[in-house]
Structures are given as structure tokens and as C-alpha cells.
Amino acid sequence: MTDFEKYIQRYLDLIPTEDWLDELKIVGKETLNIYENLFEDQSNYAYAEGKWSLKTLLQHLIDTEKVFAYRALRFSRKDQSVVSGFDEEAWADHSYADSRTLKSLIKEFKLTRKQSFIFFKTLPEDALQLSGTVNGNSINVETIGKLTVGHNIHHLNIIKERYLPNL
């Protein structure tokens, strides 16, 4: 198994059922349940020096979901242009999440998740199986959708384990 396949598999292994579209809705609701029950000052909390605040983490989920959806859109439209990766640390450092209100981030997350769900739900099976190249690695549209779910679950687990016990 390549490093890329191992990287992907760690997220895919987190999805509890085969119905990844349903899981996309479920984990979205779970994420919103946590964030909608935070006070503004709590959303600025980071569990250690150099770690992201809860706001920055939510912005990271939004940004990553947009990147994944863009890749899936290109590949589902048979665009074979090679897509590059992105530096999540640089994006987080320049996300301006901590200067935004929690309410605005929640609204953006809801809209992003709704867009992702509609996009993936309406793709025909043959489009879900189309592939493209990211950083020299082939990946299909369905796997990108599943990564959206697994990535969200990964960060939701971190929130539950490292953030919430200290709030």
C-alpha cells in the first residue's frame, strides 16, 4: 500500500457504515450540535500552544470540504488536469477564522455541507467512479466524497477528546 493509500485509508476506516452519504449528514449534524452549543469565547479555545482554536478547526473543515468538492467536480466532469495539494497549516494560519464570529462560521459550514451533499447525491454511479490525479496520485470521485466524511469524523474525534473535556 502506498503512503497516499495509507493516508486515505485512515479516514475511510472511520466511516461507520457503507452509506457514506448518510454519514455525511450525520457527522455534519454532530459537528453542528457541538458548535451551536458553544459560547463565542469557548470557540476561541485551543487545547495547547500552537494548536488550532475551535474556530480555526471549523474553518479547516470548511476549506477542506471545498477543496475536496472542487476536485470531485473536476473529475466528475472528466477534467483530467492534474490537481495540486494544499498546505493546510498555511491555510489555517491565513484563514482569519479567529476574527470571524462563530455564528458566521456555522452558517458557512451549513452551506458548504448542503452543497456537498447535493452534489454527491445527484451524481450518477458512473460519474462517482471517474478518477483524476491529485499530487501524482489517482483518486476517484466517490473516494473523495468518502474522504469528506472521514476527515470530518477525524476532527470531530479530536474535538471530543482534546477540546470539549477542557471547556
C-alpha atoms as a PDB file:
ATOM      1  CA  MET A   1       0.000   0.000   0.000  1.00  0.00           C
ATOM      2  CA  THR A   2       1.395   3.425  -0.940  1.00  0.00           C
ATOM      3  CA  ASP A   3       1.689   6.297   1.524  1.00  0.00           C
ATOM      4  CA  PHE A   4      -1.192   8.006  -0.272  1.00  0.00           C
ATOM      5  CA  GLU A   5      -3.376   4.905   0.070  1.00  0.00           C
ATOM      6  CA  LYS A   6      -2.474   4.648   3.772  1.00  0.00           C
ATOM      7  CA  TYR A   7      -3.331   8.328   4.249  1.00  0.00           C
ATOM      8  CA  ILE A   8      -6.730   7.845   2.624  1.00  0.00           C
ATOM      9  CA  GLN A   9      -7.456   4.575   4.389  1.00  0.00           C
ATOM     10  CA  ARG A  10      -7.047   6.101   7.853  1.00  0.00           C
ATOM     11  CA  TYR A  11     -10.007   8.365   7.062  1.00  0.00           C
ATOM     12  CA  LEU A  12     -12.094   5.764   5.258  1.00  0.00           C
ATOM     13  CA  ASP A  13     -11.736   3.378   8.211  1.00  0.00           C
ATOM     14  CA  LEU A  14     -13.536   5.923  10.420  1.00  0.00           C
ATOM     15  CA  ILE A  15     -16.789   5.777   8.440  1.00  0.00           C
ATOM     16  CA  PRO A  16     -19.087   3.517  10.485  1.00  0.00           C
ATOM     17  CA  THR A  17     -21.398   2.316   7.687  1.00  0.00           C
ATOM     18  CA  GLU A  18     -21.370   1.767   3.937  1.00  0.00           C
ATOM     19  CA  ASP A  19     -23.880   4.589   3.437  1.00  0.00           C
ATOM     20  CA  TRP A  20     -21.325   7.390   3.274  1.00  0.00           C
ATOM     21  CA  LEU A  21     -23.870   9.943   2.059  1.00  0.00           C
ATOM     22  CA  ASP A  22     -26.000   9.340   5.127  1.00  0.00           C
ATOM     23  CA  GLU A  23     -22.861   9.527   7.253  1.00  0.00           C
ATOM     24  CA  LEU A  24     -22.068  12.892   5.613  1.00  0.00           C
ATOM     25  CA  LYS A  25     -25.363  14.207   7.000  1.00  0.00           C
ATOM     26  CA  ILE A  26     -24.911  12.543  10.385  1.00  0.00           C
ATOM     27  CA  VAL A  27     -21.393  13.822  11.047  1.00  0.00           C
ATOM     28  CA  GLY A  28     -22.418  17.263   9.820  1.00  0.00           C
ATOM     29  CA  LYS A  29     -25.267  17.363  12.332  1.00  0.00           C
ATOM     30  CA  GLU A  30     -22.960  16.111  15.083  1.00  0.00           C
ATOM     31  CA  THR A  31     -20.415  18.811  14.267  1.00  0.00           C
ATOM     32  CA  LEU A  32     -23.109  21.484  14.262  1.00  0.00           C
ATOM     33  CA  ASN A  33     -24.512  20.213  17.551  1.00  0.00           C
ATOM     34  CA  ILE A  34     -21.152  20.833  19.192  1.00  0.00           C
ATOM     35  CA  TYR A  35     -20.500  24.224  17.625  1.00  0.00           C
ATOM     36  CA  GLU A  36     -24.043  25.531  18.093  1.00  0.00           C
ATOM     37  CA  ASN A  37     -23.743  24.818  21.814  1.00  0.00           C
ATOM     38  CA  LEU A  38     -20.521  26.767  22.274  1.00  0.00           C
ATOM     39  CA  PHE A  39     -20.290  30.303  23.538  1.00  0.00           C
ATOM     40  CA  GLU A  40     -18.285  32.700  21.405  1.00  0.00           C
ATOM     41  CA  ASP A  41     -15.387  32.778  23.895  1.00  0.00           C
ATOM     42  CA  GLN A  42     -15.272  28.966  24.004  1.00  0.00           C
ATOM     43  CA  SER A  43     -14.849  28.842  20.238  1.00  0.00           C
ATOM     44  CA  ASN A  44     -11.528  30.666  20.624  1.00  0.00           C
ATOM     45  CA  TYR A  45     -10.165  27.831  22.790  1.00  0.00           C
ATOM     46  CA  ALA A  46      -7.126  25.819  21.688  1.00  0.00           C
ATOM     47  CA  TYR A  47      -6.116  22.862  23.854  1.00  0.00           C
ATOM     48  CA  ALA A  48      -2.373  23.595  23.646  1.00  0.00           C
ATOM     49  CA  GLU A  49       0.061  26.234  22.451  1.00  0.00           C
ATOM     50  CA  GLY A  50       0.348  26.155  18.669  1.00  0.00           C
ATOM     51  CA  LYS A  51      -2.876  24.166  18.205  1.00  0.00           C
ATOM     52  CA  TRP A  52      -5.842  25.499  16.283  1.00  0.00           C
ATOM     53  CA  SER A  53      -8.732  27.182  18.023  1.00  0.00           C
ATOM     54  CA  LEU A  54     -12.131  25.579  17.628  1.00  0.00           C
ATOM     55  CA  LYS A  55     -12.976  28.353  15.151  1.00  0.00           C
ATOM     56  CA  THR A  56      -9.875  27.626  13.080  1.00  0.00           C
ATOM     57  CA  LEU A  57     -10.669  23.919  13.163  1.00  0.00           C
ATOM     58  CA  LEU A  58     -14.172  24.594  11.841  1.00  0.00           C
ATOM     59  CA  GLN A  59     -12.733  26.801   9.103  1.00  0.00           C
ATOM     60  CA  HIS A  60     -10.328  23.970   8.257  1.00  0.00           C
ATOM     61  CA  LEU A  61     -13.278  21.589   7.855  1.00  0.00           C
ATOM     62  CA  ILE A  62     -14.992  24.120   5.583  1.00  0.00           C
ATOM     63  CA  ASP A  63     -11.890  24.795   3.495  1.00  0.00           C
ATOM     64  CA  THR A  64     -11.009  21.130   3.109  1.00  0.00           C
ATOM     65  CA  GLU A  65     -14.551  20.228   2.136  1.00  0.00           C
ATOM     66  CA  LYS A  66     -14.497  22.939  -0.546  1.00  0.00           C
ATOM     67  CA  VAL A  67     -11.178  21.627  -1.891  1.00  0.00           C
ATOM     68  CA  PHE A  68     -12.476  18.057  -1.945  1.00  0.00           C
ATOM     69  CA  ALA A  69     -15.697  19.153  -3.692  1.00  0.00           C
ATOM     70  CA  TYR A  70     -13.705  21.097  -6.286  1.00  0.00           C
ATOM     71  CA  ARG A  71     -11.558  18.079  -7.042  1.00  0.00           C
ATOM     72  CA  ALA A  72     -14.610  15.829  -7.279  1.00  0.00           C
ATOM     73  CA  LEU A  73     -16.355  18.326  -9.547  1.00  0.00           C
ATOM     74  CA  ARG A  74     -13.411  18.469 -11.934  1.00  0.00           C
ATOM     75  CA  PHE A  75     -13.032  14.707 -12.087  1.00  0.00           C
ATOM     76  CA  SER A  76     -16.782  14.097 -12.432  1.00  0.00           C
ATOM     77  CA  ARG A  77     -16.745  16.402 -15.445  1.00  0.00           C
ATOM     78  CA  LYS A  78     -13.905  14.357 -16.974  1.00  0.00           C
ATOM     79  CA  ASP A  79     -11.362  17.126 -16.500  1.00  0.00           C
ATOM     80  CA  GLN A  80      -8.045  15.300 -16.481  1.00  0.00           C
ATOM     81  CA  SER A  81      -5.923  18.282 -15.433  1.00  0.00           C
ATOM     82  CA  VAL A  82      -3.613  17.366 -12.565  1.00  0.00           C
ATOM     83  CA  VAL A  83      -4.712  18.962  -9.304  1.00  0.00           C
ATOM     84  CA  SER A  84      -2.169  20.044  -6.716  1.00  0.00           C
ATOM     85  CA  GLY A  85      -2.446  19.663  -2.986  1.00  0.00           C
ATOM     86  CA  PHE A  86      -2.748  22.439  -0.446  1.00  0.00           C
ATOM     87  CA  ASP A  87      -0.865  23.347   2.709  1.00  0.00           C
ATOM     88  CA  GLU A  88      -3.449  23.042   5.467  1.00  0.00           C
ATOM     89  CA  GLU A  89      -1.193  24.754   8.015  1.00  0.00           C
ATOM     90  CA  ALA A  90      -0.655  27.791   5.773  1.00  0.00           C
ATOM     91  CA  TRP A  91      -4.363  27.926   5.006  1.00  0.00           C
ATOM     92  CA  ALA A  92      -5.218  27.775   8.722  1.00  0.00           C
ATOM     93  CA  ASP A  93      -2.654  30.470   9.522  1.00  0.00           C
ATOM     94  CA  HIS A  94      -4.304  32.736   6.954  1.00  0.00           C
ATOM     95  CA  SER A  95      -7.942  31.742   7.398  1.00  0.00           C
ATOM     96  CA  TYR A  96      -8.878  34.712   9.598  1.00  0.00           C
ATOM     97  CA  ALA A  97     -11.218  32.352  11.424  1.00  0.00           C
ATOM     98  CA  ASP A  98     -10.462  33.808  14.837  1.00  0.00           C
ATOM     99  CA  SER A  99     -11.567  37.260  13.678  1.00  0.00           C
ATOM    100  CA  ARG A 100     -14.922  35.910  12.499  1.00  0.00           C
ATOM    101  CA  THR A 101     -17.964  35.234  14.614  1.00  0.00           C
ATOM    102  CA  LEU A 102     -18.799  31.682  15.498  1.00  0.00           C
ATOM    103  CA  LYS A 103     -22.241  32.250  14.010  1.00  0.00           C
ATOM    104  CA  SER A 104     -20.765  33.167  10.594  1.00  0.00           C
ATOM    105  CA  LEU A 105     -18.559  30.062  10.575  1.00  0.00           C
ATOM    106  CA  ILE A 106     -21.518  27.844  11.470  1.00  0.00           C
ATOM    107  CA  LYS A 107     -23.535  29.375   8.647  1.00  0.00           C
ATOM    108  CA  GLU A 108     -20.709  28.744   6.160  1.00  0.00           C
ATOM    109  CA  PHE A 109     -20.297  25.145   7.366  1.00  0.00           C
ATOM    110  CA  LYS A 110     -24.026  24.501   6.890  1.00  0.00           C
ATOM    111  CA  LEU A 111     -23.992  25.920   3.374  1.00  0.00           C
ATOM    112  CA  THR A 112     -20.826  24.051   2.414  1.00  0.00           C
ATOM    113  CA  ARG A 113     -22.177  20.743   3.726  1.00  0.00           C
ATOM    114  CA  LYS A 114     -25.507  21.236   1.985  1.00  0.00           C
ATOM    115  CA  GLN A 115     -23.725  21.926  -1.304  1.00  0.00           C
ATOM    116  CA  SER A 116     -21.506  18.860  -0.883  1.00  0.00           C
ATOM    117  CA  PHE A 117     -24.430  16.598  -0.075  1.00  0.00           C
ATOM    118  CA  ILE A 118     -26.495  17.744  -3.051  1.00  0.00           C
ATOM    119  CA  PHE A 119     -23.518  17.470  -5.390  1.00  0.00           C
ATOM    120  CA  PHE A 120     -22.517  13.937  -4.386  1.00  0.00           C
ATOM    121  CA  LYS A 121     -26.124  12.714  -4.025  1.00  0.00           C
ATOM    122  CA  THR A 122     -27.042  13.750  -7.566  1.00  0.00           C
ATOM    123  CA  LEU A 123     -24.030  12.278  -9.346  1.00  0.00           C
ATOM    124  CA  PRO A 124     -24.769   9.119 -11.315  1.00  0.00           C
ATOM    125  CA  GLU A 125     -22.813   5.997 -10.377  1.00  0.00           C
ATOM    126  CA  ASP A 126     -20.597   6.196 -13.456  1.00  0.00           C
ATOM    127  CA  ALA A 127     -19.546   9.756 -12.516  1.00  0.00           C
ATOM    128  CA  LEU A 128     -18.704   8.625  -8.959  1.00  0.00           C
ATOM    129  CA  GLN A 129     -16.263   6.125 -10.457  1.00  0.00           C
ATOM    130  CA  LEU A 130     -14.401   8.680 -12.583  1.00  0.00           C
ATOM    131  CA  SER A 131     -10.853   9.383 -11.472  1.00  0.00           C
ATOM    132  CA  GLY A 132      -8.339  12.160 -11.571  1.00  0.00           C
ATOM    133  CA  THR A 133      -4.873  12.905 -10.285  1.00  0.00           C
ATOM    134  CA  VAL A 134      -4.021  14.799  -7.107  1.00  0.00           C
ATOM    135  CA  ASN A 135      -0.326  15.271  -6.324  1.00  0.00           C
ATOM    136  CA  GLY A 136       0.556  12.412  -8.656  1.00  0.00           C
ATOM    137  CA  ASN A 137      -1.975  10.026  -7.109  1.00  0.00           C
ATOM    138  CA  SER A 138      -5.113   8.711  -8.762  1.00  0.00           C
ATOM    139  CA  ILE A 139      -8.361   9.006  -6.816  1.00  0.00           C
ATOM    140  CA  ASN A 140     -11.987   8.618  -7.833  1.00  0.00           C
ATOM    141  CA  VAL A 141     -14.907  10.922  -7.120  1.00  0.00           C
ATOM    142  CA  GLU A 142     -16.628   8.568  -4.669  1.00  0.00           C
ATOM    143  CA  THR A 143     -13.458   8.204  -2.613  1.00  0.00           C
ATOM    144  CA  ILE A 144     -13.185  11.977  -2.428  1.00  0.00           C
ATOM    145  CA  GLY A 145     -16.747  12.081  -1.092  1.00  0.00           C
ATOM    146  CA  LYS A 146     -15.897   9.450   1.473  1.00  0.00           C
ATOM    147  CA  LEU A 147     -12.781  11.408   2.453  1.00  0.00           C
ATOM    148  CA  THR A 148     -15.015  14.368   3.234  1.00  0.00           C
ATOM    149  CA  VAL A 149     -16.874  12.174   5.722  1.00  0.00           C
ATOM    150  CA  GLY A 150     -13.797  10.512   7.239  1.00  0.00           C
ATOM    151  CA  HIS A 151     -11.920  13.803   7.541  1.00  0.00           C
ATOM    152  CA  ASN A 152     -14.853  15.345   9.407  1.00  0.00           C
ATOM    153  CA  ILE A 153     -15.094  12.325  11.727  1.00  0.00           C
ATOM    154  CA  HIS A 154     -11.334  12.512  12.383  1.00  0.00           C
ATOM    155  CA  HIS A 155     -11.581  16.120  13.527  1.00  0.00           C
ATOM    156  CA  LEU A 156     -14.809  15.511  15.425  1.00  0.00           C
ATOM    157  CA  ASN A 157     -12.970  12.838  17.421  1.00  0.00           C
ATOM    158  CA  ILE A 158     -10.184  15.319  18.190  1.00  0.00           C
ATOM    159  CA  ILE A 159     -12.732  17.896  19.320  1.00  0.00           C
ATOM    160  CA  LYS A 160     -14.366  15.377  21.655  1.00  0.00           C
ATOM    161  CA  GLU A 161     -11.052  14.067  23.043  1.00  0.00           C
ATOM    162  CA  ARG A 162      -8.942  17.219  23.333  1.00  0.00           C
ATOM    163  CA  TYR A 163     -11.198  20.266  23.323  1.00  0.00           C
ATOM    164  CA  LEU A 164     -14.525  19.516  24.989  1.00  0.00           C
ATOM    165  CA  PRO A 165     -13.166  17.978  28.203  1.00  0.00           C
ATOM    166  CA  ASN A 166     -11.450  21.302  28.917  1.00  0.00           C
ATOM    167  CA  LEU A 167     -14.382  23.608  28.248  1.00  0.00           C
END
